Amino acid sequence: MNILLVLIPLSLLLLIAAMYAFFWAVDNDQFEDLETPALDVLVDEDAPRPRAGDDR
């Protein structure tokens, strides 16, 4: 029963920290563009280019 005296305040502190982190992320526009970062992984900019005289 004494463990509840520790767990309940600890869970409330974790809840407050999670709510603070969520509202901070919303205020700092972390959720503005959810599509582009997922598509950036698919872009292959470092692909080797064929040479001018290479006929393979």
N, C-alpha and C. Protein backbone atom coordinates (compact mmCIF):
# COMPACT_ATOMS: atom_id res chain seq x y z
N MET A 1 0.82 -1.20 0.00
CA MET A 1 0.00 0.00 0.00
C MET A 1 0.86 1.26 0.00
N ASN A 2 2.04 1.18 0.61
CA ASN A 2 2.91 2.35 0.64
C ASN A 2 3.47 2.69 -0.74
N ILE A 3 3.55 1.69 -1.62
CA ILE A 3 4.08 1.94 -2.95
C ILE A 3 3.16 2.88 -3.74
N LEU A 4 1.88 2.88 -3.41
CA LEU A 4 0.95 3.79 -4.08
C LEU A 4 1.29 5.25 -3.78
N LEU A 5 1.87 5.50 -2.62
CA LEU A 5 2.27 6.87 -2.27
C LEU A 5 3.42 7.35 -3.15
N VAL A 6 4.12 6.45 -3.78
CA VAL A 6 5.20 6.80 -4.69
C VAL A 6 4.72 6.77 -6.14
N LEU A 7 3.97 5.75 -6.49
CA LEU A 7 3.57 5.56 -7.89
C LEU A 7 2.57 6.59 -8.39
N ILE A 8 1.64 7.00 -7.56
CA ILE A 8 0.63 7.96 -8.02
C ILE A 8 1.27 9.32 -8.32
N PRO A 9 2.07 9.91 -7.42
CA PRO A 9 2.72 11.18 -7.80
C PRO A 9 3.69 11.04 -8.96
N LEU A 10 4.38 9.90 -9.04
CA LEU A 10 5.30 9.68 -10.15
C LEU A 10 4.56 9.62 -11.48
N SER A 11 3.43 8.95 -11.49
CA SER A 11 2.65 8.87 -12.73
C SER A 11 2.08 10.24 -13.11
N LEU A 12 1.70 11.04 -12.13
CA LEU A 12 1.21 12.38 -12.43
C LEU A 12 2.33 13.26 -12.99
N LEU A 13 3.53 13.13 -12.45
CA LEU A 13 4.66 13.89 -12.98
C LEU A 13 4.99 13.49 -14.42
N LEU A 14 4.93 12.19 -14.71
CA LEU A 14 5.18 11.72 -16.08
C LEU A 14 4.09 12.20 -17.04
N LEU A 15 2.86 12.25 -16.56
CA LEU A 15 1.77 12.76 -17.38
C LEU A 15 1.97 14.23 -17.70
N ILE A 16 2.36 15.00 -16.71
CA ILE A 16 2.60 16.43 -16.92
C ILE A 16 3.77 16.64 -17.88
N ALA A 17 4.83 15.84 -17.74
CA ALA A 17 5.98 15.96 -18.64
C ALA A 17 5.59 15.61 -20.08
N ALA A 18 4.78 14.59 -20.26
CA ALA A 18 4.34 14.21 -21.60
C ALA A 18 3.44 15.28 -22.22
N MET A 19 2.57 15.86 -21.43
CA MET A 19 1.71 16.93 -21.94
C MET A 19 2.54 18.16 -22.30
N TYR A 20 3.54 18.48 -21.50
CA TYR A 20 4.41 19.61 -21.80
C TYR A 20 5.16 19.37 -23.11
N ALA A 21 5.69 18.16 -23.28
CA ALA A 21 6.44 17.84 -24.50
C ALA A 21 5.52 17.91 -25.73
N PHE A 22 4.29 17.42 -25.60
CA PHE A 22 3.36 17.47 -26.73
C PHE A 22 3.02 18.91 -27.11
N PHE A 23 2.67 19.73 -26.13
CA PHE A 23 2.30 21.11 -26.44
C PHE A 23 3.50 21.92 -26.91
N TRP A 24 4.69 21.60 -26.42
CA TRP A 24 5.90 22.26 -26.93
C TRP A 24 6.09 21.92 -28.41
N ALA A 25 5.90 20.66 -28.78
CA ALA A 25 6.06 20.24 -30.16
C ALA A 25 5.02 20.91 -31.06
N VAL A 26 3.81 21.04 -30.59
CA VAL A 26 2.78 21.70 -31.39
C VAL A 26 3.11 23.18 -31.56
N ASP A 27 3.54 23.84 -30.50
CA ASP A 27 3.87 25.27 -30.58
C ASP A 27 5.08 25.54 -31.47
N ASN A 28 6.00 24.59 -31.57
CA ASN A 28 7.21 24.78 -32.38
C ASN A 28 7.09 24.16 -33.76
N ASP A 29 5.86 23.94 -34.22
CA ASP A 29 5.55 23.47 -35.57
C ASP A 29 6.23 22.15 -35.93
N GLN A 30 6.30 21.24 -35.00
CA GLN A 30 6.89 19.94 -35.28
C GLN A 30 5.94 19.04 -36.08
N PHE A 31 4.66 19.37 -36.09
CA PHE A 31 3.68 18.55 -36.79
C PHE A 31 3.14 19.22 -38.05
N GLU A 32 3.85 20.22 -38.57
CA GLU A 32 3.37 20.95 -39.73
C GLU A 32 3.43 20.12 -41.01
N ASP A 33 4.55 19.47 -41.29
CA ASP A 33 4.73 18.73 -42.54
C ASP A 33 5.09 17.29 -42.21
N LEU A 34 4.12 16.42 -42.28
CA LEU A 34 4.35 15.02 -41.95
C LEU A 34 4.64 14.17 -43.18
N GLU A 35 4.42 14.71 -44.37
CA GLU A 35 4.60 13.94 -45.60
C GLU A 35 6.03 13.97 -46.13
N THR A 36 6.65 15.13 -46.18
CA THR A 36 7.95 15.30 -46.82
C THR A 36 9.07 14.47 -46.19
N PRO A 37 9.21 14.43 -44.86
CA PRO A 37 10.31 13.62 -44.30
C PRO A 37 10.20 12.14 -44.66
N ALA A 38 9.00 11.64 -44.81
CA ALA A 38 8.84 10.24 -45.19
C ALA A 38 9.26 10.00 -46.64
N LEU A 39 9.07 11.00 -47.49
CA LEU A 39 9.42 10.86 -48.90
C LEU A 39 10.89 11.16 -49.16
N ASP A 40 11.54 11.93 -48.29
CA ASP A 40 12.96 12.26 -48.47
C ASP A 40 13.85 11.02 -48.42
N VAL A 41 13.42 10.00 -47.72
CA VAL A 41 14.21 8.77 -47.63
C VAL A 41 14.30 8.08 -48.99
N LEU A 42 13.27 8.25 -49.80
CA LEU A 42 13.22 7.57 -51.09
C LEU A 42 14.05 8.25 -52.17
N VAL A 43 14.47 9.48 -51.96
CA VAL A 43 15.23 10.23 -52.95
C VAL A 43 16.69 9.78 -52.88
N ASP A 44 17.21 9.33 -54.03
CA ASP A 44 18.58 8.85 -54.09
C ASP A 44 19.41 9.86 -54.86
N GLU A 45 20.00 10.81 -54.14
CA GLU A 45 20.79 11.85 -54.79
C GLU A 45 22.23 11.44 -55.02
N ASP A 46 22.70 10.40 -54.37
CA ASP A 46 24.09 9.99 -54.47
C ASP A 46 24.30 8.87 -55.49
N ALA A 47 23.38 8.69 -56.40
CA ALA A 47 23.50 7.64 -57.41
C ALA A 47 24.64 7.97 -58.37
N PRO A 48 25.47 6.99 -58.69
CA PRO A 48 26.57 7.26 -59.62
C PRO A 48 26.03 7.54 -61.02
N ARG A 49 26.63 8.52 -61.66
CA ARG A 49 26.21 8.90 -63.02
C ARG A 49 27.10 8.18 -64.03
N PRO A 50 26.51 7.74 -65.13
CA PRO A 50 27.33 7.06 -66.14
C PRO A 50 28.31 8.04 -66.80
N ARG A 51 29.45 7.53 -67.17
CA ARG A 51 30.46 8.35 -67.83
C ARG A 51 30.08 8.58 -69.28
N ALA A 52 30.68 9.54 -69.90
CA ALA A 52 30.34 9.90 -71.29
C ALA A 52 30.67 8.77 -72.26
N GLY A 53 31.81 8.09 -72.09
CA GLY A 53 32.20 7.05 -73.03
C GLY A 53 31.84 5.65 -72.57
N ASP A 54 31.06 5.51 -71.55
CA ASP A 54 30.73 4.20 -70.99
C ASP A 54 29.45 3.68 -71.61
N ASP A 55 29.53 2.57 -72.40
CA ASP A 55 28.34 2.04 -73.09
C ASP A 55 27.88 0.74 -72.46
N ARG A 56 27.67 0.70 -71.24
CA ARG A 56 27.18 -0.54 -70.59
C ARG A 56 25.70 -0.58 -70.46
